[in-house]
């Protein structure tokens, strides 16, 4: 069985300042709420019960996506955050929003790891993007399993996202991959991909502390 690695062709571009990302996320959350309220009002005023029921289903699905987006907002706490708990919440919200409807099982195996809230948020964004890519490309939007594993050893945090699909390793890097690489660089770490006939594995490794990243 051959094992392929994906080499990074060039440095990832810098991300927008943190406050711009937070403002954008806040506006998206408000727009979700407005759309959900509009659908619920339309469902209540629909003269046709079948139309009303359909609009209700759409509103519930949109609400699930809104919850997934909310789970990815920066943690409100300023101090350390339990990364395992935070990633678990993100994965649960993603499962409810879309993965379950495709027959995807998302499994989380995580040790208790405490990271500064901003670093935890960035790890959450990376995991969410890796999970989306696994569902979209690895599993082809079909049934299958995705596993997220988190561990810490020797001052480094390791996060692995794997699937049992069969994505090709020669695909051109897209916007999502550039985002993941930029976030990993901000955290002082790196991300690597391996592709095999049994599935894809993405591994993120970052220093557990900012001080470690500067050494």
N, C-alpha and C. Protein backbone atom coordinates (compact mmCIF):
# COMPACT_ATOMS: atom_id res chain seq x y z
N UNK A 1 0.85 -1.19 0.00
CA UNK A 1 0.00 0.00 0.00
C UNK A 1 0.89 1.24 0.00
N UNK A 2 0.69 2.11 -0.94
CA UNK A 2 1.52 3.31 -1.05
C UNK A 2 1.02 4.40 -0.11
N UNK A 3 1.95 5.19 0.35
CA UNK A 3 1.64 6.30 1.26
C UNK A 3 2.13 7.58 0.61
N UNK A 4 1.22 8.54 0.44
CA UNK A 4 1.58 9.79 -0.21
C UNK A 4 1.53 10.93 0.79
N UNK A 5 2.43 11.87 0.65
CA UNK A 5 2.41 13.08 1.47
C UNK A 5 2.16 14.28 0.59
N UNK A 6 1.54 15.29 1.16
CA UNK A 6 1.23 16.52 0.45
C UNK A 6 2.21 17.59 0.90
N UNK A 7 3.09 18.02 0.05
CA UNK A 7 4.05 19.06 0.41
C UNK A 7 3.41 20.43 0.25
N UNK A 8 3.77 21.35 1.14
CA UNK A 8 3.26 22.71 1.06
C UNK A 8 3.99 23.47 -0.03
N UNK A 9 3.28 23.96 -1.08
CA UNK A 9 3.97 24.60 -2.20
C UNK A 9 4.53 25.97 -1.88
N UNK A 10 3.87 26.71 -0.99
CA UNK A 10 4.33 28.07 -0.69
C UNK A 10 3.74 28.49 0.65
N UNK A 11 4.33 29.49 1.31
CA UNK A 11 3.81 29.95 2.60
C UNK A 11 2.36 30.42 2.49
N UNK A 12 1.57 30.13 3.53
CA UNK A 12 0.18 30.55 3.52
C UNK A 12 0.09 32.06 3.74
N UNK A 13 -0.90 32.73 3.13
CA UNK A 13 -1.04 34.17 3.30
C UNK A 13 -1.52 34.50 4.70
N UNK A 14 -1.23 35.70 5.21
CA UNK A 14 -1.68 36.08 6.55
C UNK A 14 -3.19 36.21 6.60
N UNK A 15 -3.74 35.95 7.79
CA UNK A 15 -5.17 36.07 7.98
C UNK A 15 -5.53 37.50 8.37
N UNK A 16 -6.81 37.89 8.21
CA UNK A 16 -7.24 39.21 8.66
C UNK A 16 -7.07 39.33 10.17
N UNK A 17 -6.99 40.55 10.70
CA UNK A 17 -6.89 40.73 12.15
C UNK A 17 -8.04 40.05 12.88
N UNK A 18 -7.78 39.63 14.13
CA UNK A 18 -8.75 38.88 14.91
C UNK A 18 -10.07 39.62 15.05
N UNK A 19 -10.02 40.94 15.30
CA UNK A 19 -11.26 41.67 15.53
C UNK A 19 -12.14 41.71 14.29
N UNK A 20 -11.54 41.66 13.08
CA UNK A 20 -12.34 41.63 11.86
C UNK A 20 -13.06 40.30 11.72
N UNK A 21 -12.38 39.21 12.06
CA UNK A 21 -13.02 37.90 12.01
C UNK A 21 -14.18 37.81 13.00
N UNK A 22 -13.97 38.36 14.20
CA UNK A 22 -15.03 38.34 15.22
C UNK A 22 -16.23 39.17 14.76
N UNK A 23 -15.99 40.33 14.16
CA UNK A 23 -17.09 41.17 13.68
C UNK A 23 -17.85 40.46 12.57
N UNK A 24 -17.11 39.82 11.65
CA UNK A 24 -17.76 39.09 10.56
C UNK A 24 -18.62 37.96 11.11
N UNK A 25 -18.11 37.21 12.08
CA UNK A 25 -18.85 36.11 12.67
C UNK A 25 -20.12 36.61 13.36
N UNK A 26 -20.01 37.75 14.04
CA UNK A 26 -21.17 38.33 14.73
C UNK A 26 -22.26 38.70 13.72
N UNK A 27 -21.88 39.28 12.60
CA UNK A 27 -22.86 39.67 11.59
C UNK A 27 -23.52 38.45 10.95
N UNK A 28 -22.73 37.41 10.70
CA UNK A 28 -23.30 36.19 10.13
C UNK A 28 -24.32 35.57 11.09
N UNK A 29 -23.99 35.56 12.39
CA UNK A 29 -24.91 35.01 13.37
C UNK A 29 -26.23 35.79 13.39
N UNK A 30 -26.15 37.10 13.28
CA UNK A 30 -27.36 37.92 13.24
C UNK A 30 -28.18 37.64 11.98
N UNK A 31 -27.50 37.43 10.86
CA UNK A 31 -28.21 37.15 9.61
C UNK A 31 -28.89 35.78 9.66
N UNK A 32 -28.24 34.82 10.30
CA UNK A 32 -28.89 33.51 10.51
C UNK A 32 -30.18 33.69 11.30
N UNK A 33 -30.10 34.45 12.39
CA UNK A 33 -31.27 34.65 13.25
C UNK A 33 -32.41 35.32 12.48
N UNK A 34 -32.09 36.29 11.65
CA UNK A 34 -33.12 36.97 10.87
C UNK A 34 -33.77 36.02 9.87
N UNK A 35 -32.95 35.18 9.20
CA UNK A 35 -33.49 34.23 8.23
C UNK A 35 -34.38 33.20 8.90
N UNK A 36 -33.98 32.72 10.08
CA UNK A 36 -34.78 31.73 10.81
C UNK A 36 -36.11 32.33 11.23
N UNK A 37 -36.07 33.57 11.73
CA UNK A 37 -37.31 34.23 12.14
C UNK A 37 -38.26 34.41 10.95
N UNK A 38 -37.70 34.75 9.79
CA UNK A 38 -38.53 34.93 8.59
C UNK A 38 -39.19 33.61 8.18
N UNK A 39 -38.44 32.53 8.22
CA UNK A 39 -38.99 31.22 7.85
C UNK A 39 -40.07 30.78 8.83
N UNK A 40 -39.85 31.00 10.11
CA UNK A 40 -40.85 30.61 11.10
C UNK A 40 -42.15 31.41 10.92
N UNK A 41 -42.01 32.70 10.61
CA UNK A 41 -43.19 33.51 10.38
C UNK A 41 -43.94 33.02 9.15
N UNK A 42 -43.20 32.70 8.09
CA UNK A 42 -43.83 32.20 6.87
C UNK A 42 -44.52 30.86 7.11
N UNK A 43 -43.90 30.00 7.92
CA UNK A 43 -44.51 28.71 8.23
C UNK A 43 -45.81 28.88 9.01
N UNK A 44 -45.82 29.85 9.93
CA UNK A 44 -47.02 30.09 10.73
C UNK A 44 -48.15 30.69 9.90
N UNK A 45 -47.80 31.47 8.88
CA UNK A 45 -48.82 32.13 8.08
C UNK A 45 -49.21 31.35 6.83
N UNK A 46 -48.52 30.25 6.56
CA UNK A 46 -48.81 29.46 5.37
C UNK A 46 -50.21 28.86 5.47
N UNK A 47 -50.99 29.03 4.42
CA UNK A 47 -52.33 28.47 4.43
C UNK A 47 -52.34 26.97 4.16
N UNK A 48 -51.30 26.48 3.55
CA UNK A 48 -51.19 25.06 3.21
C UNK A 48 -50.37 24.36 4.29
N UNK A 49 -50.95 23.36 5.00
CA UNK A 49 -50.22 22.67 6.07
C UNK A 49 -48.92 22.03 5.59
N UNK A 50 -48.94 21.49 4.36
CA UNK A 50 -47.73 20.85 3.85
C UNK A 50 -46.62 21.87 3.62
N UNK A 51 -47.00 23.03 3.08
CA UNK A 51 -46.01 24.10 2.88
C UNK A 51 -45.46 24.57 4.23
N UNK A 52 -46.36 24.72 5.19
CA UNK A 52 -45.94 25.15 6.53
C UNK A 52 -44.98 24.16 7.16
N UNK A 53 -45.27 22.86 6.99
CA UNK A 53 -44.40 21.83 7.55
C UNK A 53 -43.03 21.85 6.88
N UNK A 54 -43.01 22.04 5.56
CA UNK A 54 -41.74 22.09 4.83
C UNK A 54 -40.90 23.29 5.28
N UNK A 55 -41.54 24.45 5.41
CA UNK A 55 -40.83 25.63 5.88
C UNK A 55 -40.30 25.42 7.30
N UNK A 56 -41.06 24.70 8.12
CA UNK A 56 -40.61 24.40 9.48
C UNK A 56 -39.36 23.55 9.48
N UNK A 57 -39.32 22.56 8.57
CA UNK A 57 -38.13 21.69 8.46
C UNK A 57 -36.92 22.51 8.04
N UNK A 58 -37.13 23.40 7.06
CA UNK A 58 -36.03 24.25 6.58
C UNK A 58 -35.53 25.15 7.71
N UNK A 59 -36.46 25.71 8.49
CA UNK A 59 -36.07 26.58 9.60
C UNK A 59 -35.25 25.82 10.64
N UNK A 60 -35.64 24.57 10.93
CA UNK A 60 -34.89 23.78 11.90
C UNK A 60 -33.50 23.44 11.39
N UNK A 61 -33.40 23.13 10.10
CA UNK A 61 -32.08 22.82 9.54
C UNK A 61 -31.18 24.07 9.56
N UNK A 62 -31.76 25.22 9.22
CA UNK A 62 -30.99 26.46 9.25
C UNK A 62 -30.55 26.79 10.67
N UNK A 63 -31.42 26.51 11.63
CA UNK A 63 -31.05 26.74 13.03
C UNK A 63 -29.88 25.85 13.44
N UNK A 64 -29.87 24.61 12.95
CA UNK A 64 -28.75 23.71 13.25
C UNK A 64 -27.44 24.26 12.69
N UNK A 65 -27.51 24.81 11.48
CA UNK A 65 -26.32 25.42 10.90
C UNK A 65 -25.90 26.66 11.70
N UNK A 66 -26.87 27.41 12.18
CA UNK A 66 -26.57 28.59 12.99
C UNK A 66 -25.87 28.18 14.29
N UNK A 67 -26.32 27.07 14.89
CA UNK A 67 -25.69 26.57 16.12
C UNK A 67 -24.26 26.12 15.84
N UNK A 68 -24.05 25.49 14.67
CA UNK A 68 -22.69 25.08 14.30
C UNK A 68 -21.79 26.31 14.13
N UNK A 69 -22.34 27.36 13.52
CA UNK A 69 -21.57 28.60 13.37
C UNK A 69 -21.29 29.22 14.74
N UNK A 70 -22.27 29.20 15.62
CA UNK A 70 -22.10 29.78 16.95
C UNK A 70 -21.04 29.01 17.75
N UNK A 71 -21.01 27.69 17.55
CA UNK A 71 -20.01 26.88 18.26
C UNK A 71 -18.59 27.26 17.87
N UNK A 72 -18.44 27.83 16.68
CA UNK A 72 -17.13 28.21 16.19
C UNK A 72 -16.74 29.65 16.50
N UNK A 73 -17.60 30.37 17.22
CA UNK A 73 -17.23 31.71 17.65
C UNK A 73 -16.12 31.62 18.68
N UNK A 74 -15.35 32.68 18.81
CA UNK A 74 -14.27 32.70 19.80
C UNK A 74 -14.84 32.48 21.20
N UNK A 75 -14.22 31.63 22.02
CA UNK A 75 -14.71 31.40 23.38
C UNK A 75 -14.83 32.70 24.15
N UNK A 76 -15.89 32.81 24.95
CA UNK A 76 -16.11 34.04 25.72
C UNK A 76 -15.08 34.20 26.83
N UNK A 77 -14.57 33.08 27.35
CA UNK A 77 -13.60 33.15 28.44
C UNK A 77 -12.27 33.70 27.96
N UNK A 78 -11.64 34.53 28.81
CA UNK A 78 -10.33 35.08 28.48
C UNK A 78 -9.19 34.15 28.87
N UNK A 79 -9.43 33.30 29.86
CA UNK A 79 -8.39 32.41 30.35
C UNK A 79 -8.31 31.12 29.56
N UNK A 80 -7.64 30.11 30.12
CA UNK A 80 -7.50 28.83 29.43
C UNK A 80 -8.86 28.15 29.21
N UNK A 81 -8.95 27.41 28.13
CA UNK A 81 -10.17 26.69 27.74
C UNK A 81 -9.82 25.20 27.61
N UNK A 82 -10.73 24.35 28.07
CA UNK A 82 -10.55 22.91 27.89
C UNK A 82 -10.77 22.59 26.41
N UNK A 83 -9.68 22.33 25.70
CA UNK A 83 -9.76 22.12 24.26
C UNK A 83 -10.62 20.91 23.91
N UNK A 84 -10.54 19.86 24.72
CA UNK A 84 -11.33 18.65 24.45
C UNK A 84 -12.82 18.96 24.48
N UNK A 85 -13.25 19.73 25.48
CA UNK A 85 -14.66 20.08 25.60
C UNK A 85 -15.09 21.00 24.45
N UNK A 86 -14.24 21.96 24.10
CA UNK A 86 -14.56 22.90 23.03
C UNK A 86 -14.68 22.17 21.68
N UNK A 87 -13.73 21.32 21.36
CA UNK A 87 -13.78 20.58 20.10
C UNK A 87 -14.97 19.63 20.09
N UNK A 88 -15.30 19.04 21.24
CA UNK A 88 -16.47 18.18 21.31
C UNK A 88 -17.75 18.92 20.98
N UNK A 89 -17.88 20.16 21.46
CA UNK A 89 -19.05 20.97 21.17
C UNK A 89 -19.12 21.32 19.68
N UNK A 90 -17.97 21.66 19.11
CA UNK A 90 -17.92 21.99 17.68
C UNK A 90 -18.35 20.79 16.84
N UNK A 91 -17.82 19.62 17.15
CA UNK A 91 -18.13 18.42 16.39
C UNK A 91 -19.59 18.01 16.54
N UNK A 92 -20.14 18.16 17.75
CA UNK A 92 -21.55 17.83 17.96
C UNK A 92 -22.45 18.74 17.14
N UNK A 93 -22.11 20.03 17.09
CA UNK A 93 -22.91 20.98 16.31
C UNK A 93 -22.82 20.68 14.82
N UNK A 94 -21.64 20.31 14.34
CA UNK A 94 -21.49 19.99 12.92
C UNK A 94 -22.26 18.72 12.55
N UNK A 95 -22.28 17.76 13.46
CA UNK A 95 -23.03 16.53 13.22
C UNK A 95 -24.51 16.83 13.09
N UNK A 96 -25.03 17.65 13.99
CA UNK A 96 -26.45 18.00 13.98
C UNK A 96 -26.80 18.80 12.73
N UNK A 97 -25.90 19.67 12.30
CA UNK A 97 -26.20 20.57 11.17
C UNK A 97 -26.22 19.84 9.84
N UNK A 98 -25.31 18.91 9.61
CA UNK A 98 -25.25 18.32 8.27
C UNK A 98 -24.73 16.89 8.21
N UNK A 99 -23.74 16.54 9.02
CA UNK A 99 -23.09 15.25 8.86
C UNK A 99 -24.03 14.07 9.05
N UNK A 100 -24.91 14.18 10.06
CA UNK A 100 -25.81 13.06 10.34
C UNK A 100 -26.75 12.78 9.17
N UNK A 101 -27.15 13.82 8.45
CA UNK A 101 -28.07 13.62 7.33
C UNK A 101 -27.40 12.89 6.18
N UNK A 102 -26.05 12.90 6.14
CA UNK A 102 -25.31 12.17 5.11
C UNK A 102 -24.91 10.78 5.57
N UNK A 103 -25.25 10.44 6.80
CA UNK A 103 -24.86 9.13 7.32
C UNK A 103 -23.42 9.09 7.79
N UNK A 104 -22.87 10.25 8.16
CA UNK A 104 -21.47 10.33 8.60
C UNK A 104 -21.43 10.24 10.13
N UNK A 105 -20.60 9.34 10.64
CA UNK A 105 -20.35 9.22 12.07
C UNK A 105 -19.08 9.99 12.41
N UNK A 106 -19.21 10.97 13.29
CA UNK A 106 -18.07 11.79 13.70
C UNK A 106 -17.69 11.40 15.12
N UNK A 107 -16.52 10.80 15.27
CA UNK A 107 -16.05 10.28 16.55
C UNK A 107 -14.96 11.19 17.09
N UNK A 108 -15.04 11.51 18.38
CA UNK A 108 -14.05 12.39 19.01
C UNK A 108 -13.37 11.64 20.15
N UNK A 109 -12.06 11.58 20.10
CA UNK A 109 -11.25 10.95 21.14
C UNK A 109 -10.24 11.99 21.61
N UNK A 110 -10.48 12.58 22.77
CA UNK A 110 -9.68 13.74 23.18
C UNK A 110 -9.28 13.65 24.65
N UNK A 111 -8.01 13.96 24.92
CA UNK A 111 -7.53 14.13 26.28
C UNK A 111 -7.86 15.54 26.76
N UNK A 112 -7.90 15.72 28.08
CA UNK A 112 -8.12 17.05 28.63
C UNK A 112 -6.88 17.90 28.38
N UNK A 113 -7.05 18.97 27.60
CA UNK A 113 -5.94 19.85 27.25
C UNK A 113 -6.40 21.29 27.45
N UNK A 114 -5.64 22.06 28.22
CA UNK A 114 -6.01 23.44 28.47
C UNK A 114 -5.12 24.37 27.66
N UNK A 115 -5.78 25.19 26.83
CA UNK A 115 -5.08 26.16 26.00
C UNK A 115 -5.71 27.53 26.17
N UNK A 116 -4.92 28.56 25.92
CA UNK A 116 -5.45 29.93 25.91
C UNK A 116 -6.61 30.00 24.92
N UNK A 117 -7.63 30.78 25.25
CA UNK A 117 -8.89 30.76 24.50
C UNK A 117 -8.69 31.06 23.01
N UNK A 118 -7.85 32.03 22.69
CA UNK A 118 -7.63 32.36 21.27
C UNK A 118 -6.99 31.22 20.51
N UNK A 119 -6.08 30.50 21.15
CA UNK A 119 -5.45 29.35 20.50
C UNK A 119 -6.45 28.21 20.35
N UNK A 120 -7.29 28.00 21.36
CA UNK A 120 -8.32 26.97 21.25
C UNK A 120 -9.27 27.27 20.10
N UNK A 121 -9.62 28.55 19.95
CA UNK A 121 -10.52 28.94 18.87
C UNK A 121 -9.92 28.61 17.51
N UNK A 122 -8.65 28.92 17.34
CA UNK A 122 -8.00 28.63 16.07
C UNK A 122 -7.92 27.14 15.79
N UNK A 123 -7.66 26.35 16.82
CA UNK A 123 -7.68 24.90 16.64
C UNK A 123 -9.08 24.44 16.23
N UNK A 124 -10.11 25.03 16.84
CA UNK A 124 -11.48 24.68 16.47
C UNK A 124 -11.78 24.98 15.01
N UNK A 125 -11.31 26.14 14.53
CA UNK A 125 -11.51 26.49 13.12
C UNK A 125 -10.81 25.49 12.20
N UNK A 126 -9.60 25.08 12.59
CA UNK A 126 -8.85 24.11 11.79
C UNK A 126 -9.58 22.77 11.75
N UNK A 127 -10.00 22.29 12.92
CA UNK A 127 -10.70 21.00 12.98
C UNK A 127 -11.97 21.03 12.15
N UNK A 128 -12.73 22.12 12.26
CA UNK A 128 -13.98 22.22 11.50
C UNK A 128 -13.71 22.14 10.00
N UNK A 129 -12.67 22.82 9.54
CA UNK A 129 -12.35 22.79 8.11
C UNK A 129 -11.87 21.41 7.68
N UNK A 130 -11.07 20.76 8.51
CA UNK A 130 -10.60 19.41 8.18
C UNK A 130 -11.74 18.41 8.14
N UNK A 131 -12.69 18.57 9.06
CA UNK A 131 -13.86 17.67 9.06
C UNK A 131 -14.71 17.91 7.82
N UNK A 132 -14.93 19.17 7.47
CA UNK A 132 -15.70 19.47 6.25
C UNK A 132 -15.02 18.86 5.03
N UNK A 133 -13.71 19.01 4.93
CA UNK A 133 -13.00 18.44 3.79
C UNK A 133 -13.09 16.93 3.77
N UNK A 134 -13.01 16.30 4.93
CA UNK A 134 -13.12 14.84 4.99
C UNK A 134 -14.49 14.38 4.52
N UNK A 135 -15.54 15.11 4.93
CA UNK A 135 -16.90 14.74 4.52
C UNK A 135 -17.12 15.01 3.04
N UNK A 136 -16.58 16.13 2.55
CA UNK A 136 -16.83 16.53 1.16
C UNK A 136 -15.98 15.75 0.17
N UNK A 137 -14.70 15.60 0.47
CA UNK A 137 -13.78 14.98 -0.48
C UNK A 137 -13.49 13.51 -0.14
N UNK A 138 -13.15 13.25 1.12
CA UNK A 138 -12.82 11.90 1.50
C UNK A 138 -14.00 10.94 1.38
N UNK A 139 -15.16 11.38 1.88
CA UNK A 139 -16.36 10.53 1.85
C UNK A 139 -17.29 10.86 0.70
N UNK A 140 -16.98 11.91 -0.05
CA UNK A 140 -17.81 12.26 -1.20
C UNK A 140 -19.24 12.58 -0.83
N UNK A 141 -19.44 13.21 0.36
CA UNK A 141 -20.78 13.56 0.85
C UNK A 141 -21.66 12.32 1.02
N UNK A 142 -21.02 11.19 1.29
CA UNK A 142 -21.76 9.95 1.53
C UNK A 142 -21.52 9.47 2.95
N UNK A 143 -22.02 8.26 3.24
CA UNK A 143 -21.88 7.69 4.57
C UNK A 143 -20.42 7.29 4.82
N UNK A 144 -20.05 7.26 6.07
CA UNK A 144 -18.70 6.87 6.45
C UNK A 144 -18.39 7.34 7.85
N UNK A 145 -17.12 7.28 8.21
CA UNK A 145 -16.69 7.66 9.56
C UNK A 145 -15.55 8.66 9.48
N UNK A 146 -15.61 9.64 10.37
CA UNK A 146 -14.53 10.62 10.54
C UNK A 146 -14.14 10.59 12.02
N UNK A 147 -12.85 10.53 12.29
CA UNK A 147 -12.38 10.49 13.67
C UNK A 147 -11.48 11.70 13.95
N UNK A 148 -11.75 12.35 15.08
CA UNK A 148 -10.92 13.46 15.55
C UNK A 148 -10.24 13.02 16.83
N UNK A 149 -8.91 13.06 16.84
CA UNK A 149 -8.14 12.65 18.02
C UNK A 149 -7.27 13.80 18.49
N UNK A 150 -7.29 14.05 19.80
CA UNK A 150 -6.49 15.12 20.41
C UNK A 150 -5.62 14.54 21.51
N UNK A 151 -4.35 14.92 21.53
CA UNK A 151 -3.46 14.47 22.58
C UNK A 151 -2.38 15.48 22.83
N UNK A 152 -1.69 15.34 23.96
CA UNK A 152 -0.61 16.26 24.32
C UNK A 152 0.55 15.47 24.88
N UNK A 153 1.76 15.80 24.42
CA UNK A 153 2.97 15.13 24.91
C UNK A 153 4.17 16.02 24.65
N UNK A 154 5.06 16.07 25.64
CA UNK A 154 6.34 16.80 25.50
C UNK A 154 6.14 18.25 25.08
N UNK A 155 5.09 18.89 25.58
CA UNK A 155 4.87 20.30 25.30
C UNK A 155 4.22 20.60 23.97
N UNK A 156 3.78 19.56 23.27
CA UNK A 156 3.14 19.75 21.98
C UNK A 156 1.74 19.14 21.98
N UNK A 157 0.83 19.81 21.31
CA UNK A 157 -0.54 19.32 21.13
C UNK A 157 -0.67 18.76 19.72
N UNK A 158 -1.20 17.56 19.62
CA UNK A 158 -1.38 16.91 18.33
C UNK A 158 -2.86 16.66 18.09
N UNK A 159 -3.32 17.02 16.92
CA UNK A 159 -4.72 16.80 16.53
C UNK A 159 -4.73 16.07 15.19
N UNK A 160 -5.44 14.95 15.15
CA UNK A 160 -5.54 14.17 13.92
C UNK A 160 -7.00 14.06 13.50
N UNK A 161 -7.23 14.27 12.21
CA UNK A 161 -8.56 14.10 11.62
C UNK A 161 -8.42 13.09 10.49
N UNK A 162 -9.09 11.96 10.61
CA UNK A 162 -8.97 10.90 9.61
C UNK A 162 -10.35 10.46 9.14
N UNK A 163 -10.40 9.90 7.94
CA UNK A 163 -11.66 9.37 7.42
C UNK A 163 -11.37 8.03 6.75
N UNK A 164 -12.44 7.29 6.47
CA UNK A 164 -12.28 5.99 5.81
C UNK A 164 -12.73 6.05 4.35
N UNK A 165 -12.55 7.24 3.76
CA UNK A 165 -12.89 7.41 2.35
C UNK A 165 -11.68 7.14 1.46
N UNK A 166 -11.68 7.78 0.30
CA UNK A 166 -10.60 7.52 -0.64
C UNK A 166 -10.27 8.73 -1.50
N UNK A 167 -10.07 9.89 -0.88
CA UNK A 167 -9.75 11.09 -1.65
C UNK A 167 -8.37 10.97 -2.28
N UNK A 168 -8.23 11.48 -3.49
CA UNK A 168 -6.95 11.43 -4.18
C UNK A 168 -5.98 12.44 -3.57
N UNK A 169 -4.71 12.09 -3.53
CA UNK A 169 -3.71 12.97 -2.94
C UNK A 169 -3.13 13.98 -3.90
N UNK A 170 -3.59 13.98 -5.15
CA UNK A 170 -3.02 14.90 -6.13
C UNK A 170 -3.93 16.07 -6.45
N UNK A 171 -4.96 16.28 -5.60
CA UNK A 171 -5.88 17.40 -5.83
C UNK A 171 -5.17 18.72 -5.57
N UNK A 172 -5.56 19.76 -6.30
CA UNK A 172 -4.95 21.08 -6.12
C UNK A 172 -5.40 21.68 -4.79
N UNK A 173 -4.49 22.26 -4.01
CA UNK A 173 -4.87 22.89 -2.75
C UNK A 173 -5.88 24.00 -2.97
N UNK A 174 -6.92 24.06 -2.13
CA UNK A 174 -7.95 25.07 -2.28
C UNK A 174 -7.92 26.08 -1.15
N UNK A 175 -8.96 26.91 -1.10
CA UNK A 175 -9.04 27.97 -0.09
C UNK A 175 -9.03 27.40 1.32
N UNK A 176 -9.75 26.28 1.53
CA UNK A 176 -9.81 25.69 2.85
C UNK A 176 -8.45 25.26 3.35
N UNK A 177 -7.67 24.65 2.48
CA UNK A 177 -6.33 24.22 2.89
C UNK A 177 -5.44 25.41 3.21
N UNK A 178 -5.54 26.47 2.42
CA UNK A 178 -4.74 27.66 2.71
C UNK A 178 -5.12 28.27 4.06
N UNK A 179 -6.42 28.23 4.38
CA UNK A 179 -6.87 28.72 5.69
C UNK A 179 -6.26 27.90 6.81
N UNK A 180 -6.30 26.57 6.66
CA UNK A 180 -5.76 25.68 7.68
C UNK A 180 -4.27 25.95 7.88
N UNK A 181 -3.53 26.10 6.79
CA UNK A 181 -2.10 26.33 6.89
C UNK A 181 -1.79 27.68 7.55
N UNK A 182 -2.60 28.70 7.23
CA UNK A 182 -2.38 30.02 7.82
C UNK A 182 -2.66 29.99 9.32
N UNK A 183 -3.72 29.31 9.73
CA UNK A 183 -4.04 29.21 11.15
C UNK A 183 -2.97 28.42 11.89
N UNK A 184 -2.51 27.32 11.29
CA UNK A 184 -1.46 26.52 11.92
C UNK A 184 -0.19 27.34 12.10
N UNK A 185 0.14 28.17 11.11
CA UNK A 185 1.33 29.01 11.20
C UNK A 185 1.18 30.04 12.32
N UNK A 186 -0.03 30.60 12.48
CA UNK A 186 -0.28 31.55 13.56
C UNK A 186 -0.07 30.90 14.92
N UNK A 187 -0.36 29.61 15.00
CA UNK A 187 -0.21 28.87 16.26
C UNK A 187 1.22 28.38 16.47
N UNK A 188 2.10 28.66 15.54
CA UNK A 188 3.48 28.22 15.67
C UNK A 188 3.68 26.76 15.33
N UNK A 189 2.73 26.18 14.61
CA UNK A 189 2.80 24.76 14.30
C UNK A 189 2.73 24.48 12.81
N UNK A 190 2.32 23.28 12.47
CA UNK A 190 2.24 22.87 11.08
C UNK A 190 1.15 21.81 10.92
N UNK A 191 0.76 21.60 9.67
CA UNK A 191 -0.24 20.57 9.37
C UNK A 191 0.23 19.79 8.16
N UNK A 192 0.06 18.47 8.21
CA UNK A 192 0.48 17.59 7.13
C UNK A 192 -0.66 16.65 6.77
N UNK A 193 -0.66 16.20 5.51
CA UNK A 193 -1.69 15.30 5.01
C UNK A 193 -1.05 14.01 4.49
N UNK A 194 -1.73 12.90 4.70
CA UNK A 194 -1.34 11.63 4.11
C UNK A 194 -2.57 11.00 3.44
N UNK A 195 -2.39 10.45 2.27
CA UNK A 195 -3.47 9.85 1.52
C UNK A 195 -3.14 8.39 1.21
N UNK A 196 -4.06 7.49 1.55
CA UNK A 196 -3.89 6.07 1.27
C UNK A 196 -5.21 5.53 0.73
N UNK A 197 -5.22 4.34 0.16
CA UNK A 197 -6.48 3.75 -0.30
C UNK A 197 -7.50 3.56 0.83
N UNK A 198 -7.01 3.51 2.08
CA UNK A 198 -7.92 3.30 3.21
C UNK A 198 -8.49 4.59 3.76
N UNK A 199 -8.03 5.74 3.24
CA UNK A 199 -8.55 7.00 3.72
C UNK A 199 -7.48 8.06 3.86
N UNK A 200 -7.89 9.23 4.34
CA UNK A 200 -7.00 10.38 4.47
C UNK A 200 -6.76 10.68 5.95
N UNK A 201 -5.55 11.12 6.27
CA UNK A 201 -5.21 11.55 7.61
C UNK A 201 -4.58 12.93 7.53
N UNK A 202 -5.10 13.88 8.32
CA UNK A 202 -4.51 15.20 8.46
C UNK A 202 -4.04 15.34 9.90
N UNK A 203 -2.81 15.81 10.08
CA UNK A 203 -2.26 15.94 11.44
C UNK A 203 -1.79 17.37 11.68
N UNK A 204 -2.34 17.98 12.71
CA UNK A 204 -1.94 19.31 13.16
C UNK A 204 -1.09 19.15 14.41
N UNK A 205 0.05 19.83 14.45
CA UNK A 205 0.89 19.83 15.64
C UNK A 205 1.25 21.27 15.98
N UNK A 206 0.99 21.66 17.25
CA UNK A 206 1.28 23.02 17.70
C UNK A 206 1.90 22.97 19.09
N UNK A 207 2.69 23.98 19.45
CA UNK A 207 3.20 24.06 20.82
C UNK A 207 2.03 24.29 21.78
N UNK A 208 2.14 23.73 22.96
CA UNK A 208 1.05 23.87 23.93
C UNK A 208 0.96 25.30 24.47
N UNK A 209 2.03 26.06 24.39
CA UNK A 209 2.03 27.43 24.90
C UNK A 209 2.67 28.37 23.90
N UNK A 210 2.34 29.65 24.03
CA UNK A 210 2.93 30.65 23.15
C UNK A 210 4.43 30.74 23.38
N UNK A 211 4.86 30.56 24.62
CA UNK A 211 6.29 30.63 24.92
C UNK A 211 7.05 29.55 24.16
N UNK A 212 6.45 28.36 24.06
CA UNK A 212 7.09 27.28 23.31
C UNK A 212 7.21 27.64 21.84
N UNK A 213 6.20 28.34 21.32
CA UNK A 213 6.20 28.69 19.90
C UNK A 213 7.34 29.65 19.57
N UNK A 214 7.79 30.44 20.54
CA UNK A 214 8.82 31.43 20.26
C UNK A 214 10.24 30.85 20.39
N UNK A 215 10.37 29.68 20.97
CA UNK A 215 11.71 29.09 21.12
C UNK A 215 12.19 28.47 19.84
